């Protein structure tokens, strides 16, 4: 299938411009009004292209179309704009040296965080690696909490002690800095849901660069043995740091890597396709056990802020992706073509996202850095133990 050739093309420079074979955002399938929902809201149906999904030993196929109300569509648009504005602000703050250290942005990949959040409940969980800002925002962390954490300020989600790779929120377990290490932790979160009898699940996310880690396959095995409600989600942005996926992996069909675990691949640049696939994945995992997902996506920037992102791919490739596959423009086109909302309504949402992030930046700048006296706090559970010093971390031990 076209989808199966998608990643392998990243291994050769001659085919950079055709990395994505699914339907172009500039020629999306038509939408049609199909009636009203229980709340009396007009509902629209959006069709998917056959290439938007592919499966491995999985019969619970996503629908060929998805219904959505105006409110749902505008919320998806706003959430993606919020994430992009957040990442843009982070980029500027880093270049101004107000953010230091590691910082990995998800510009271009917003559809995954927004679509996933729209398909799950607040009892469900998400855990991911270090490209985590958008997921934290969607889970309920404030923009100030995220940006202040990046800046090392007390208003941050981890009180300024964690930075970019250690951001947390309600049922969001990070933000983890060790490549692949969060995957078995996600299986553990799913085990906790099952042990407590909670009808919830966990998305345990990782990148294509972590997909060859041994602990990923160990987590697959344990999750299947116990039929845990976990979805192992590979965010395949086609490059592990500066290495094309096809040069690092013998098989780039990451959704088939579970072998005995069913898999599904989805067009990660279409927020509606992500939402539909995550809905199906969530229902399946709670009822049947683990599933492996692959979100095929693309990051516009480098691996991190220290990577210009243009030494291993061309500027033309990046620009082509921006102009033809952008997830925000893709949804915008669908909304306008279906007559769901006007250009002015979308511009108002753009402005709202910009104002929110501008305010968050100012609030973060006004927040102080944590005092030296609180350095050892939050190592143990609140109220249990607060060590006077931590061996190996005090100057006298160094």
Protein backbone atom coordinates (compact mmCIF):
# COMPACT_ATOMS: atom_id res chain seq x y z
CA UNK A 1 0.00 0.00 0.00
CA UNK A 2 1.01 3.63 -0.39
CA UNK A 3 1.15 3.96 3.38
CA UNK A 4 3.67 1.13 3.64
CA UNK A 5 6.10 2.90 1.31
CA UNK A 6 5.83 6.12 3.23
CA UNK A 7 8.71 5.84 5.68
CA UNK A 8 11.15 3.86 3.57
CA UNK A 9 11.29 6.78 1.15
CA UNK A 10 13.01 8.84 3.86
CA UNK A 11 16.15 6.76 3.41
CA UNK A 12 17.00 8.26 0.02
CA UNK A 13 17.44 11.92 -0.78
CA UNK A 14 15.91 11.54 -4.24
CA UNK A 15 12.45 10.90 -2.79
CA UNK A 16 12.39 13.48 0.01
CA UNK A 17 9.55 15.39 -1.58
CA UNK A 18 7.20 12.40 -1.53
CA UNK A 19 7.64 11.29 2.07
CA UNK A 20 3.90 11.33 2.64
CA UNK A 21 1.64 9.40 0.31
CA UNK A 22 -1.67 9.97 2.03
CA UNK A 23 -4.17 12.55 0.89
CA UNK A 24 -2.95 16.12 0.62
CA UNK A 25 -4.35 18.70 3.00
CA UNK A 26 -5.03 20.91 -0.02
CA UNK A 27 -7.36 18.30 -1.52
CA UNK A 28 -9.23 16.89 1.44
CA UNK A 29 -12.30 14.68 0.92
CA UNK A 30 -15.56 16.61 0.95
CA UNK A 31 -17.58 17.17 4.11
CA UNK A 32 -21.35 17.09 4.40
CA UNK A 33 -23.84 18.17 7.05
CA UNK A 34 -25.58 15.04 8.35
CA UNK A 35 -28.06 16.39 10.86
CA UNK A 36 -27.98 17.32 14.53
CA UNK A 37 -26.78 15.62 17.69
CA UNK A 38 -28.63 15.16 20.98
CA UNK A 39 -27.78 18.72 22.00
CA UNK A 40 -29.30 20.10 18.81
CA UNK A 41 -25.95 21.03 17.27
CA UNK A 42 -25.43 20.63 13.53
CA UNK A 43 -23.10 17.72 12.81
CA UNK A 44 -20.75 17.44 9.85
CA UNK A 45 -19.24 14.27 8.41
CA UNK A 46 -15.65 14.28 7.17
CA UNK A 47 -14.41 11.45 4.96
CA UNK A 48 -10.95 9.93 5.13
CA UNK A 49 -8.80 8.69 2.27
CA UNK A 50 -8.08 4.92 2.26
CA UNK A 51 -4.38 5.68 2.76
CA UNK A 52 -4.98 7.52 6.04
CA UNK A 53 -4.98 4.21 7.94
CA UNK A 54 -3.22 0.86 7.78
CA UNK A 55 -3.50 -2.07 10.17
CA UNK A 56 -1.71 -5.17 11.41
CA UNK A 57 -3.81 -8.11 12.67
CA UNK A 58 -6.48 -5.63 13.66
CA UNK A 59 -10.13 -6.00 12.74
CA UNK A 60 -11.60 -3.03 14.59
CA UNK A 61 -10.89 -0.68 11.71
CA UNK A 62 -11.37 3.08 12.10
CA UNK A 63 -14.39 4.50 10.34
CA UNK A 64 -14.11 5.81 6.79
CA UNK A 65 -15.52 9.11 8.07
CA UNK A 66 -15.98 10.93 11.35
CA UNK A 67 -18.75 13.21 12.63
CA UNK A 68 -17.94 16.55 14.27
CA UNK A 69 -19.83 19.60 15.43
CA UNK A 70 -18.74 23.18 14.91
CA UNK A 71 -17.72 23.45 18.55
CA UNK A 72 -15.58 20.31 18.30
CA UNK A 73 -13.86 21.46 15.13
CA UNK A 74 -13.11 24.93 16.47
CA UNK A 75 -11.75 23.43 19.69
CA UNK A 76 -9.39 21.16 17.74
CA UNK A 77 -8.25 24.16 15.71
CA UNK A 78 -7.71 26.26 18.84
CA UNK A 79 -5.77 23.52 20.64
CA UNK A 80 -3.38 23.09 17.72
CA UNK A 81 -2.89 26.84 17.50
CA UNK A 82 -2.21 27.00 21.26
CA UNK A 83 0.47 24.32 20.94
CA UNK A 84 2.10 26.00 17.95
CA UNK A 85 2.09 29.41 19.65
CA UNK A 86 3.55 27.81 22.77
CA UNK A 87 6.36 26.23 20.78
CA UNK A 88 6.99 29.46 18.87
CA UNK A 89 7.27 31.37 22.15
CA UNK A 90 9.62 28.70 23.51
CA UNK A 91 11.79 28.99 20.43
CA UNK A 92 12.08 32.75 20.88
CA UNK A 93 12.80 32.49 24.60
CA UNK A 94 15.51 29.92 23.97
CA UNK A 95 17.18 32.13 21.38
CA UNK A 96 16.98 34.99 23.91
CA UNK A 97 18.78 32.72 26.42
CA UNK A 98 15.84 32.80 28.84
CA UNK A 99 15.49 29.04 28.34
CA UNK A 100 18.65 26.99 28.77
CA UNK A 101 19.57 23.34 28.41
CA UNK A 102 17.63 20.76 26.46
CA UNK A 103 14.52 21.88 24.59
CA UNK A 104 12.69 19.77 21.99
CA UNK A 105 9.81 21.38 20.11
CA UNK A 106 6.88 19.69 18.36
CA UNK A 107 6.12 22.31 15.70
CA UNK A 108 4.38 20.43 12.88
CA UNK A 109 3.23 17.55 15.10
CA UNK A 110 0.37 19.34 16.87
CA UNK A 111 -2.35 17.08 15.44
CA UNK A 112 -1.23 14.14 17.57
CA UNK A 113 -1.56 15.86 20.94
CA UNK A 114 -4.80 17.64 19.98
CA UNK A 115 -6.48 14.64 18.33
CA UNK A 116 -5.49 12.27 21.10
CA UNK A 117 -6.79 14.55 23.84
CA UNK A 118 -10.10 14.92 22.03
CA UNK A 119 -10.62 11.15 21.98
CA UNK A 120 -9.91 10.26 25.62
CA UNK A 121 -11.26 11.09 29.08
CA UNK A 122 -9.63 12.84 32.01
CA UNK A 123 -9.27 9.44 33.72
CA UNK A 124 -7.09 8.15 30.88
CA UNK A 125 -3.34 8.72 31.03
CA UNK A 126 -0.53 9.83 28.73
CA UNK A 127 3.21 9.43 29.14
CA UNK A 128 5.79 10.45 26.57
CA UNK A 129 9.43 11.37 26.04
CA UNK A 130 10.84 14.88 25.91
CA UNK A 131 8.81 16.39 23.03
CA UNK A 132 6.05 16.87 25.57
CA UNK A 133 4.88 20.48 25.80
CA UNK A 134 1.70 20.09 23.73
CA UNK A 135 0.53 17.00 25.62
CA UNK A 136 0.94 18.76 28.97
CA UNK A 137 -1.06 21.71 27.69
CA UNK A 138 -3.85 19.44 26.48
CA UNK A 139 -3.99 17.51 29.73
CA UNK A 140 -4.68 20.69 31.66
CA UNK A 141 -1.33 22.28 32.51
CA UNK A 142 -1.45 26.03 32.03
CA UNK A 143 0.61 27.78 29.39
CA UNK A 144 2.33 29.68 32.20
CA UNK A 145 3.09 26.41 33.98
CA UNK A 146 4.77 24.99 30.88
CA UNK A 147 6.72 28.10 29.85
CA UNK A 148 7.78 28.91 33.40
CA UNK A 149 9.10 25.36 33.79
CA UNK A 150 11.10 25.77 30.61
CA UNK A 151 12.57 28.96 32.10
CA UNK A 152 13.31 27.34 35.47
CA UNK A 153 10.85 29.50 37.42
CA UNK A 154 8.74 28.61 40.45
CA UNK A 155 5.47 29.02 38.54
CA UNK A 156 6.44 25.98 36.46
CA UNK A 157 4.68 22.62 36.61
CA UNK A 158 7.69 21.17 38.47
CA UNK A 159 8.40 24.40 40.38
CA UNK A 160 11.23 25.22 38.02
CA UNK A 161 13.30 22.17 38.95
CA UNK A 162 12.66 19.95 35.93
CA UNK A 163 12.85 21.96 32.74
CA UNK A 164 11.62 20.98 29.29
CA UNK A 165 11.92 17.22 29.72
CA UNK A 166 10.16 17.00 33.09
CA UNK A 167 6.77 18.63 32.64
CA UNK A 168 3.73 17.05 34.25
CA UNK A 169 -0.03 17.58 34.41
CA UNK A 170 -3.24 15.81 35.44
CA UNK A 171 -2.85 12.15 34.38
CA UNK A 172 0.18 13.22 32.38
CA UNK A 173 3.33 11.46 33.59
CA UNK A 174 5.92 13.43 31.63
CA UNK A 175 8.11 14.45 29.95
CA UNK A 176 10.94 11.83 30.38
CA UNK A 177 14.56 12.39 29.41
CA UNK A 178 15.88 8.84 28.97
CA UNK A 179 15.17 7.56 25.47
CA UNK A 180 12.53 4.81 25.59
CA UNK A 181 12.48 4.54 29.39
CA UNK A 182 8.93 5.92 29.61
CA UNK A 183 7.47 3.03 27.59
CA UNK A 184 7.50 0.40 30.39
CA UNK A 185 6.40 3.12 32.83
CA UNK A 186 3.34 3.60 30.65
CA UNK A 187 2.61 -0.11 30.89
CA UNK A 188 2.86 0.31 34.67
CA UNK A 189 0.33 3.14 34.62
CA UNK A 190 -2.01 0.87 32.63
CA UNK A 191 -1.43 -1.90 35.20
CA UNK A 192 -2.49 0.53 37.93
CA UNK A 193 -5.73 1.28 36.08
CA UNK A 194 -6.49 -2.41 35.70
CA UNK A 195 -5.50 -3.26 39.27
CA UNK A 196 -7.83 -0.60 40.67
CA UNK A 197 -10.67 -1.58 38.36
CA UNK A 198 -10.79 1.82 36.66
CA UNK A 199 -12.18 1.78 33.09
CA UNK A 200 -9.27 3.82 31.78
CA UNK A 201 -6.14 3.30 29.68
CA UNK A 202 -2.73 4.80 28.98
CA UNK A 203 -1.08 6.08 25.80
CA UNK A 204 2.60 5.22 26.19
CA UNK A 205 4.37 7.30 23.54
CA UNK A 206 7.85 7.22 22.06
CA UNK A 207 9.61 8.31 18.88
CA UNK A 208 10.90 6.32 15.93
CA UNK A 209 14.40 6.88 17.31
CA UNK A 210 13.45 4.92 20.46
CA UNK A 211 11.58 2.17 18.63
CA UNK A 212 14.57 -0.19 18.59
CA UNK A 213 15.10 -0.04 22.36
CA UNK A 214 14.98 -3.42 24.07
CA UNK A 215 12.80 -2.15 26.90
CA UNK A 216 10.08 -1.29 24.38
CA UNK A 217 9.74 -4.95 23.42
CA UNK A 218 9.92 -6.07 27.06
CA UNK A 219 6.99 -3.74 27.75
CA UNK A 220 5.10 -5.23 24.80
CA UNK A 221 5.56 -8.71 26.25
CA UNK A 222 4.42 -7.90 29.78
CA UNK A 223 1.49 -5.84 28.54
CA UNK A 224 0.24 -8.73 26.41
CA UNK A 225 0.79 -11.33 29.13
CA UNK A 226 -1.46 -9.31 31.43
CA UNK A 227 -3.65 -7.77 28.70
CA UNK A 228 -3.06 -4.28 30.03
CA UNK A 229 -5.12 -1.33 28.74
CA UNK A 230 -2.18 0.39 27.06
CA UNK A 231 -1.60 1.78 23.58
CA UNK A 232 2.07 1.94 22.60
CA UNK A 233 2.23 4.94 20.29
CA UNK A 234 5.22 5.60 18.04
CA UNK A 235 5.39 9.21 16.86
CA UNK A 236 7.27 8.63 13.64
CA UNK A 237 8.52 12.00 12.40
CA UNK A 238 10.82 10.18 9.97
CA UNK A 239 14.09 11.20 11.63
CA UNK A 240 15.72 9.93 14.83
CA UNK A 241 17.79 13.01 15.66
CA UNK A 242 19.59 13.47 12.30
CA UNK A 243 19.19 9.93 10.96
CA UNK A 244 16.44 8.99 8.53
CA UNK A 245 14.27 6.16 9.83
CA UNK A 246 15.14 3.88 6.92
CA UNK A 247 18.86 4.09 7.76
CA UNK A 248 18.37 3.07 11.41
CA UNK A 249 15.61 0.47 11.34
CA UNK A 250 15.49 -2.79 9.39
CA UNK A 251 11.70 -2.40 9.36
CA UNK A 252 10.04 1.00 9.43
CA UNK A 253 6.56 -0.48 9.77
CA UNK A 254 6.52 0.41 13.44
CA UNK A 255 2.85 -0.48 13.83
CA UNK A 256 3.71 -4.12 13.07
CA UNK A 257 6.52 -4.30 15.64
CA UNK A 258 4.23 -5.77 18.30
CA UNK A 259 3.99 -9.03 16.30
CA UNK A 260 1.40 -10.77 18.51
CA UNK A 261 -0.08 -7.35 19.42
CA UNK A 262 -2.39 -5.77 16.81
CA UNK A 263 -1.29 -2.50 15.25
CA UNK A 264 -2.62 0.52 13.43
CA UNK A 265 -0.90 3.27 11.46
CA UNK A 266 -2.52 6.68 11.06
CA UNK A 267 -1.88 9.87 9.14
CA UNK A 268 -0.52 11.96 11.99
CA UNK A 269 -0.86 15.19 10.00
CA UNK A 270 -4.67 14.97 9.99
CA UNK A 271 -6.13 15.79 13.40
CA UNK A 272 -9.49 14.19 12.54
CA UNK A 273 -7.80 10.94 11.49
CA UNK A 274 -5.78 10.96 14.72
CA UNK A 275 -8.93 11.57 16.76
CA UNK A 276 -10.77 8.69 15.09
CA UNK A 277 -7.83 6.26 15.36
CA UNK A 278 -7.27 7.13 19.03
CA UNK A 279 -10.96 6.65 19.76
CA UNK A 280 -10.83 3.15 18.31
CA UNK A 281 -7.52 2.40 20.06
CA UNK A 282 -8.83 3.53 23.43
CA UNK A 283 -11.96 1.39 23.20
CA UNK A 284 -9.98 -1.63 22.02
CA UNK A 285 -7.31 -1.43 24.74
CA UNK A 286 -9.82 -1.19 27.59
CA UNK A 287 -11.77 -4.16 26.29
CA UNK A 288 -8.99 -6.35 24.88
CA UNK A 289 -5.50 -5.28 25.97
CA UNK A 290 -2.50 -3.65 24.29
CA UNK A 291 -2.29 -2.12 20.84
CA UNK A 292 0.63 -0.65 18.91
CA UNK A 293 0.01 2.61 17.04
CA UNK A 294 2.17 4.56 14.63
CA UNK A 295 1.51 8.25 13.99
CA UNK A 296 3.27 9.29 10.80
CA UNK A 297 4.14 12.94 11.24
CA UNK A 298 6.81 15.55 10.58
CA UNK A 299 8.69 18.09 12.66
CA UNK A 300 9.56 21.38 10.99
CA UNK A 301 12.44 22.20 13.31
CA UNK A 302 15.49 20.21 14.30
CA UNK A 303 15.62 17.40 16.82
CA UNK A 304 16.28 19.99 19.52
CA UNK A 305 17.09 23.68 19.66
CA UNK A 306 20.76 22.86 19.14
CA UNK A 307 19.98 21.18 15.80
CA UNK A 308 19.29 23.45 12.80
CA UNK A 309 17.50 20.52 11.12
CA UNK A 310 18.86 21.24 7.67
CA UNK A 311 22.11 19.26 7.54
CA UNK A 312 20.36 15.92 6.91
CA UNK A 313 17.37 17.15 4.90
CA UNK A 314 16.82 19.97 2.46
CA UNK A 315 15.07 23.25 3.12
CA UNK A 316 12.88 22.43 0.11
CA UNK A 317 11.66 19.26 1.82
CA UNK A 318 10.69 21.19 4.94
CA UNK A 319 8.95 23.92 2.99
CA UNK A 320 7.07 21.37 0.91
CA UNK A 321 5.76 19.72 4.08
CA UNK A 322 4.73 23.07 5.52
CA UNK A 323 2.89 24.12 2.38
CA UNK A 324 1.12 20.84 1.56
CA UNK A 325 0.73 18.81 4.78
CA UNK A 326 0.43 21.29 7.63
CA UNK A 327 -2.08 19.96 10.17
CA UNK A 328 -3.47 23.37 11.14
CA UNK A 329 -3.98 24.53 7.56
CA UNK A 330 -5.47 21.15 6.71
CA UNK A 331 -8.20 21.49 9.34
CA UNK A 332 -8.68 25.17 8.47
CA UNK A 333 -9.33 24.25 4.84
CA UNK A 334 -11.86 21.62 5.84
CA UNK A 335 -13.71 24.02 8.12
CA UNK A 336 -13.90 26.75 5.48
CA UNK A 337 -14.79 24.45 2.58
CA UNK A 338 -17.63 22.89 4.60
CA UNK A 339 -18.92 26.29 5.65
CA UNK A 340 -18.59 25.39 9.32
CA UNK A 341 -17.05 28.73 10.30
CA UNK A 342 -15.82 31.92 8.70
CA UNK A 343 -12.28 33.18 8.21
CA UNK A 344 -13.00 35.86 10.83
CA UNK A 345 -13.97 33.26 13.44
CA UNK A 346 -10.71 31.37 12.87
CA UNK A 347 -8.70 34.58 13.04
CA UNK A 348 -10.31 35.28 16.42
CA UNK A 349 -9.06 31.91 17.66
CA UNK A 350 -5.60 32.68 16.28
CA UNK A 351 -5.60 35.92 18.24
CA UNK A 352 -6.83 34.22 21.42
CA UNK A 353 -3.97 31.70 21.26
CA UNK A 354 -1.44 34.46 20.65
CA UNK A 355 -2.72 36.60 23.53
CA UNK A 356 -2.70 33.60 25.89
CA UNK A 357 0.92 32.76 25.10
CA UNK A 358 2.07 36.38 25.27
CA UNK A 359 0.53 36.67 28.73
CA UNK A 360 2.08 33.35 29.77
CA UNK A 361 5.52 34.59 28.72
CA UNK A 362 5.16 37.75 30.82
CA UNK A 363 3.90 35.82 33.84
CA UNK A 364 6.79 33.38 33.51
CA UNK A 365 9.34 36.18 33.31
CA UNK A 366 7.86 37.70 36.48
CA UNK A 367 8.10 34.40 38.37
CA UNK A 368 11.28 34.00 40.47
CA UNK A 369 13.79 31.20 40.25
CA UNK A 370 13.47 28.59 43.04
CA UNK A 371 15.42 29.40 46.20
CA UNK A 372 18.38 27.26 47.14
CA UNK A 373 16.56 26.24 50.35
CA UNK A 374 13.94 24.25 48.41
CA UNK A 375 16.48 22.28 46.38
CA UNK A 376 15.88 19.06 48.34
CA UNK A 377 12.10 19.34 48.55
CA UNK A 378 9.78 17.16 46.44
CA UNK A 379 12.23 14.26 46.29
CA UNK A 380 9.92 12.22 48.52
CA UNK A 381 6.14 12.34 48.88
CA UNK A 382 4.90 15.54 50.54
CA UNK A 383 4.91 15.26 54.31
CA UNK A 384 6.94 12.06 54.42
CA UNK A 385 10.57 13.16 54.52
CA UNK A 386 12.54 16.24 53.58
CA UNK A 387 16.29 15.49 53.65
CA UNK A 388 18.64 18.18 54.82
CA UNK A 389 21.05 17.17 52.11
CA UNK A 390 21.20 14.74 49.19
CA UNK A 391 24.35 12.66 48.85
CA UNK A 392 26.09 13.30 45.56
CA UNK A 393 24.26 16.56 44.92
CA UNK A 394 25.84 18.80 47.54
CA UNK A 395 29.01 20.76 46.70
CA UNK A 396 31.04 18.88 49.29
CA UNK A 397 30.37 15.61 47.44
CA UNK A 398 31.44 16.94 44.06
